[in-house]
Amino acid sequence: MTMLLEEAIPLYIRTAKSRGRQQRGIDRYVQDIRWFMQDVGNREIDTITSIEIEEYLENLSDRCKVKTVKSALSSLRSFFIWAMRRGHRTDDPTLGIPSPKEPDCIPSALDEGELSKLLQAINTIPAGLTLTRRWHWTRNARLVYLMLYAGLRMQEVVDLRWRDVDFKANTLLVRNGKGGRCRALPLHPRLRAILHAATSDCADDAVVGIRSGAPTSRDHDRIFREWLPRLGVTGIHAHRLRHTFATELLRNKVDIRSIQVLMGHKDISTTMRYLRVDPSWMQESVNLLPEW
């Protein structure tokens, strides 16, 4: 049964929702499909060829990062497999297309100097701030501490609500983390004090909120793009704080399995990347060998 790409998208979304896919994941897949459709047109699904998909991905790689191209292929692969199962195609045109390889980058944690400069900057609240500006300052600092002391991803910070902070149990609950996984994190004393000073009576309020509506990752990106540079802190992005969390755990001899759980990694091989971060840690490990 033939069907146009535009006609198929609502049906594809319905199937994805019925399988428990997260809404933001569905939105990303649909966005990738629509971008592809802008390139090839609103065609019948069974007329799309492997060559057209490959050419689209090659053109995309000229202006986008490898991660974006990889995501686009993943989205198209999911869509065309769905189309096969629904009888809109007899084959998968993405089957022979290899997924591009991302560079194997070593995580970039903050060094001691960078960390000291960051903490000094966010903890030095200028005198004479208006109530609104002081509110923004403490909100921004709260985000930094959540990433440093809990290793949260940006989207996890955006989704965090006060109902997820349990001071009695001394835990912070991450709901619907990457891949729809949840995890409960113990509160570091410093983070606990910062959260306790800012807690809201409304359980549905965002822990790192905005003045109106629900926060987005774009709202919080401004903290790194605009606020920190104004304080003289440059070269720090959100994921470096998460890397710092993992690296400091490793330096303090926390086992790799525990770090995996705290970081919310599905695969321990992702966590293993952090073993290469600190040469001094590896030197200490080698020094444990006896002198034969």
Protein backbone atom coordinates (compact mmCIF):
# COMPACT_ATOMS: atom_id res chain seq x y z
CA MET A 1 0.00 0.00 0.00
CA THR A 2 1.66 3.19 -1.17
CA MET A 3 1.68 6.33 0.99
CA LEU A 4 3.20 9.80 0.89
CA LEU A 5 5.88 10.71 3.43
CA GLU A 6 3.72 13.46 4.98
CA GLU A 7 0.78 11.09 5.36
CA ALA A 8 2.96 8.49 7.08
CA ILE A 9 4.45 10.75 9.75
CA PRO A 10 1.36 10.90 12.05
CA LEU A 11 1.04 7.10 11.88
CA TYR A 12 4.73 6.68 12.64
CA ILE A 13 4.36 8.98 15.67
CA ARG A 14 1.39 6.96 16.90
CA THR A 15 3.42 3.74 16.76
CA ALA A 16 6.37 5.34 18.54
CA LYS A 17 4.11 6.58 21.35
CA SER A 18 2.49 3.17 21.73
CA ARG A 19 5.97 1.70 22.31
CA GLY A 20 6.69 4.10 25.13
CA ARG A 21 9.18 6.32 23.30
CA GLN A 22 9.91 9.63 25.00
CA GLN A 23 8.28 12.65 23.39
CA ARG A 24 11.51 14.57 22.88
CA GLY A 25 13.01 11.52 21.16
CA ILE A 26 9.99 11.24 18.87
CA ASP A 27 10.22 14.96 18.09
CA ARG A 28 13.87 14.61 17.12
CA TYR A 29 13.17 11.67 14.80
CA VAL A 30 10.28 13.47 13.15
CA GLN A 31 12.39 16.60 12.69
CA ASP A 32 15.08 14.52 10.94
CA ILE A 33 12.47 12.95 8.66
CA ARG A 34 11.02 16.34 7.76
CA TRP A 35 14.47 17.72 6.97
CA PHE A 36 15.01 14.78 4.64
CA MET A 37 11.60 15.40 3.08
CA GLN A 38 12.60 19.00 2.36
CA ASP A 39 15.46 17.62 0.30
CA VAL A 40 13.62 14.90 -1.66
CA GLY A 41 10.06 16.24 -1.59
CA ASN A 42 6.81 14.78 -0.29
CA ARG A 43 7.21 11.55 -2.23
CA GLU A 44 5.64 8.12 -2.00
CA ILE A 45 7.57 6.07 0.54
CA ASP A 46 8.35 3.22 -1.85
CA THR A 47 10.02 5.55 -4.37
CA ILE A 48 12.85 6.62 -2.04
CA THR A 49 16.18 5.03 -3.01
CA SER A 50 19.34 4.24 -1.07
CA ILE A 51 21.30 6.56 -3.37
CA GLU A 52 19.06 9.50 -2.46
CA ILE A 53 19.53 8.84 1.25
CA GLU A 54 23.31 8.54 0.86
CA GLU A 55 23.48 11.77 -1.13
CA TYR A 56 21.37 13.54 1.48
CA LEU A 57 23.67 12.37 4.29
CA GLU A 58 26.77 13.39 2.30
CA ASN A 59 25.35 16.89 1.78
CA LEU A 60 24.41 17.05 5.46
CA SER A 61 27.98 16.15 6.47
CA ASP A 62 29.27 19.21 4.59
CA ARG A 63 27.51 21.56 7.02
CA CYS A 64 26.89 19.49 10.17
CA LYS A 65 28.84 17.49 12.71
CA VAL A 66 29.19 13.71 12.50
CA LYS A 67 26.81 13.35 15.45
CA THR A 68 24.06 15.13 13.48
CA VAL A 69 24.57 12.92 10.42
CA LYS A 70 24.54 9.81 12.59
CA SER A 71 21.30 10.95 14.22
CA ALA A 72 19.71 11.62 10.83
CA LEU A 73 20.55 8.13 9.59
CA SER A 74 19.22 6.57 12.79
CA SER A 75 15.93 8.45 12.38
CA LEU A 76 15.54 7.47 8.72
CA ARG A 77 16.40 3.86 9.50
CA SER A 78 13.72 3.74 12.19
CA PHE A 79 11.15 5.28 9.86
CA PHE A 80 11.79 2.96 6.91
CA ILE A 81 11.82 -0.16 9.09
CA TRP A 82 8.41 0.97 10.36
CA ALA A 83 7.30 1.48 6.75
CA MET A 84 8.37 -2.07 5.84
CA ARG A 85 6.44 -3.56 8.74
CA ARG A 86 3.34 -1.61 7.72
CA GLY A 87 3.59 -2.79 4.12
CA HIS A 88 4.49 0.58 2.60
CA ARG A 89 7.81 -0.79 1.29
CA THR A 90 9.26 -4.20 0.55
CA ASP A 91 12.82 -3.27 1.55
CA ASP A 92 14.82 -1.01 3.87
CA PRO A 93 16.76 1.56 1.77
CA THR A 94 19.03 2.37 4.71
CA LEU A 95 20.15 -1.25 5.18
CA GLY A 96 23.49 -0.99 3.36
CA ILE A 97 24.37 2.51 4.57
CA PRO A 98 27.06 2.42 7.30
CA SER A 99 26.66 4.69 10.30
CA PRO A 100 29.36 7.40 10.38
CA LYS A 101 31.96 7.03 13.10
CA GLU A 102 32.28 9.80 15.65
CA PRO A 103 35.74 10.85 16.82
CA ASP A 104 36.72 9.03 20.01
CA CYS A 105 37.13 12.17 22.10
CA ILE A 106 38.55 12.05 25.61
CA PRO A 107 36.23 13.86 28.04
CA SER A 108 37.49 17.32 28.97
CA ALA A 109 37.10 17.77 32.72
CA LEU A 110 37.94 21.08 34.39
CA ASP A 111 41.43 21.29 35.79
CA GLU A 112 42.06 22.57 39.31
CA GLY A 113 42.61 26.16 38.17
CA GLU A 114 39.47 26.26 36.03
CA LEU A 115 37.36 24.77 38.79
CA SER A 116 38.67 27.22 41.37
CA LYS A 117 38.02 30.18 39.07
CA LEU A 118 34.49 28.98 38.30
CA LEU A 119 33.49 28.49 41.94
CA GLN A 120 34.98 31.80 43.02
CA ALA A 121 33.08 33.61 40.26
CA ILE A 122 29.64 32.14 40.98
CA ASN A 123 29.99 32.45 44.75
CA THR A 124 30.97 36.12 44.69
CA ILE A 125 27.55 37.77 44.49
CA PRO A 126 27.91 41.50 43.78
CA ALA A 127 26.43 43.94 46.27
CA GLY A 128 23.46 46.02 45.24
CA LEU A 129 21.77 43.53 42.93
CA THR A 130 18.02 43.93 42.47
CA LEU A 131 15.86 41.08 43.76
CA THR A 132 15.30 39.88 40.20
CA ARG A 133 18.98 39.87 39.31
CA ARG A 134 19.86 38.17 42.60
CA TRP A 135 17.24 35.49 41.86
CA HIS A 136 18.82 34.87 38.45
CA TRP A 137 22.31 34.72 39.98
CA THR A 138 21.41 32.07 42.56
CA ARG A 139 19.39 30.14 39.95
CA ASN A 140 22.38 30.07 37.59
CA ALA A 141 24.75 28.97 40.36
CA ARG A 142 22.29 26.22 41.31
CA LEU A 143 22.52 24.77 37.80
CA VAL A 144 26.32 24.71 37.97
CA TYR A 145 26.26 22.88 41.31
CA LEU A 146 23.72 20.32 40.07
CA MET A 147 26.09 19.40 37.26
CA LEU A 148 29.21 19.41 39.40
CA TYR A 149 27.83 17.48 42.38
CA ALA A 150 25.21 15.25 40.70
CA GLY A 151 26.59 14.90 37.16
CA LEU A 152 23.26 15.77 35.55
CA ARG A 153 22.82 16.21 31.83
CA MET A 154 21.39 19.53 30.65
CA GLN A 155 17.99 18.04 29.82
CA GLU A 156 17.89 16.32 33.21
CA VAL A 157 18.38 19.71 34.89
CA VAL A 158 15.61 21.18 32.73
CA ASP A 159 13.22 18.37 33.76
CA LEU A 160 14.10 18.40 37.47
CA ARG A 161 11.23 19.46 39.77
CA TRP A 162 11.18 20.09 43.51
CA ARG A 163 9.10 16.93 44.03
CA ASP A 164 12.21 15.06 42.86
CA VAL A 165 14.32 16.41 45.74
CA ASP A 166 13.85 14.38 48.93
CA PHE A 167 15.68 16.01 51.83
CA LYS A 168 14.56 13.30 54.29
CA ALA A 169 15.99 10.50 52.18
CA ASN A 170 18.83 12.80 51.07
CA THR A 171 18.26 11.86 47.43
CA LEU A 172 17.62 13.50 44.09
CA LEU A 173 15.45 11.55 41.64
CA VAL A 174 16.19 11.82 37.93
CA ARG A 175 13.02 10.91 36.04
CA ASN A 176 13.11 9.95 32.38
CA GLY A 177 16.83 10.39 31.90
CA LYS A 178 18.49 9.45 28.64
CA GLY A 179 16.77 6.42 27.16
CA GLY A 180 13.85 6.83 29.56
CA ARG A 181 15.91 5.53 32.49
CA CYS A 182 15.45 6.79 36.06
CA ARG A 183 18.05 6.95 38.82
CA ALA A 184 18.21 8.16 42.41
CA LEU A 185 21.31 10.11 43.38
CA PRO A 186 22.60 10.84 46.89
CA LEU A 187 22.84 14.54 47.73
CA HIS A 188 26.31 15.91 48.40
CA PRO A 189 26.27 18.12 51.54
CA ARG A 190 27.19 21.23 49.53
CA LEU A 191 24.47 20.61 46.95
CA ARG A 192 21.95 19.79 49.67
CA ALA A 193 22.60 23.14 51.38
CA ILE A 194 22.20 25.05 48.10
CA LEU A 195 18.95 23.29 47.25
CA HIS A 196 17.58 23.63 50.77
CA ALA A 197 18.12 27.39 50.64
CA ALA A 198 16.11 27.67 47.44
CA THR A 199 13.36 25.07 47.86
CA SER A 200 9.85 25.91 46.64
CA ASP A 201 6.49 25.17 48.24
CA CYS A 202 5.20 24.10 44.81
CA ALA A 203 6.33 20.57 44.01
CA ASP A 204 5.80 21.12 40.27
CA ASP A 205 8.19 24.11 40.09
CA ALA A 206 11.43 23.56 38.21
CA VAL A 207 14.49 23.40 40.46
CA VAL A 208 16.30 25.56 37.91
CA GLY A 209 13.38 27.55 36.58
CA ILE A 210 12.64 30.69 34.62
CA ARG A 211 10.32 33.54 35.52
CA SER A 212 7.57 32.46 33.14
CA GLY A 213 6.67 29.03 31.77
CA ALA A 214 8.74 25.87 31.76
CA PRO A 215 12.51 26.09 31.21
CA THR A 216 14.23 24.70 28.12
CA SER A 217 17.81 23.66 27.45
CA ARG A 218 18.15 26.79 25.31
CA ASP A 219 17.28 28.94 28.34
CA HIS A 220 19.96 27.25 30.39
CA ASP A 221 22.55 27.31 27.58
CA ARG A 222 22.64 31.09 28.04
CA ILE A 223 24.26 30.54 31.43
CA PHE A 224 27.33 29.18 29.62
CA ARG A 225 27.15 31.39 26.55
CA GLU A 226 26.47 34.71 28.28
CA TRP A 227 26.44 34.71 32.10
CA LEU A 228 29.72 32.92 32.86
CA PRO A 229 31.72 34.85 30.21
CA ARG A 230 30.46 38.10 31.78
CA LEU A 231 32.01 36.86 35.03
CA GLY A 232 35.32 36.23 33.24
CA VAL A 233 34.82 32.46 33.03
CA THR A 234 35.27 31.21 29.46
CA GLY A 235 35.75 27.86 27.75
CA ILE A 236 33.31 26.02 30.02
CA HIS A 237 30.24 24.29 28.61
CA ALA A 238 27.64 22.22 30.40
CA HIS A 239 29.03 18.78 29.57
CA ARG A 240 32.47 19.66 30.96
CA LEU A 241 30.85 19.91 34.40
CA ARG A 242 29.42 16.41 33.99
CA HIS A 243 32.86 15.17 32.93
CA THR A 244 34.34 16.82 36.01
CA PHE A 245 31.86 15.00 38.25
CA ALA A 246 32.89 11.62 36.82
CA THR A 247 36.59 12.42 36.80
CA GLU A 248 36.64 13.52 40.43
CA LEU A 249 34.85 10.32 41.43
CA LEU A 250 37.51 8.34 39.59
CA ARG A 251 40.35 10.28 41.23
CA ASN A 252 38.85 9.48 44.60
CA LYS A 253 38.95 5.75 43.85
CA VAL A 254 35.23 5.22 43.24
CA ASP A 255 34.80 2.00 41.28
CA ILE A 256 33.77 2.19 37.62
CA ARG A 257 30.48 0.37 38.13
CA SER A 258 29.35 2.92 40.73
CA ILE A 259 30.34 5.77 38.40
CA GLN A 260 28.27 4.15 35.64
CA VAL A 261 25.19 4.09 37.88
CA LEU A 262 25.67 7.67 39.09
CA MET A 263 26.16 8.96 35.54
CA GLY A 264 23.16 7.06 34.18
CA HIS A 265 25.15 5.29 31.46
CA LYS A 266 23.42 2.31 29.87
CA ASP A 267 26.70 0.77 28.72
CA ILE A 268 29.75 0.61 30.96
CA SER A 269 31.96 1.12 27.88
CA THR A 270 30.73 4.73 27.85
CA THR A 271 31.90 5.13 31.44
CA MET A 272 35.23 3.47 30.63
CA ARG A 273 36.19 6.51 28.57
CA TYR A 274 36.79 8.36 31.81
CA LEU A 275 39.59 5.97 32.72
CA ARG A 276 41.79 7.78 30.20
CA VAL A 277 41.19 11.22 31.62
CA ASP A 278 43.70 11.38 34.46
CA PRO A 279 47.27 10.18 33.71
CA SER A 280 48.19 10.47 37.40
CA TRP A 281 45.43 7.98 38.27
CA MET A 282 46.84 5.51 35.75
CA GLN A 283 50.36 6.08 37.10
CA GLU A 284 49.18 5.30 40.64
CA SER A 285 47.58 2.10 39.35
CA VAL A 286 50.80 0.98 37.65
CA ASN A 287 52.78 1.80 40.80
CA LEU A 288 50.74 -0.80 42.69
CA LEU A 289 52.60 -3.55 40.79
CA PRO A 290 55.30 -5.26 42.89
CA GLU A 291 59.00 -4.94 42.01
CA TRP A 292 59.64 -8.41 40.67
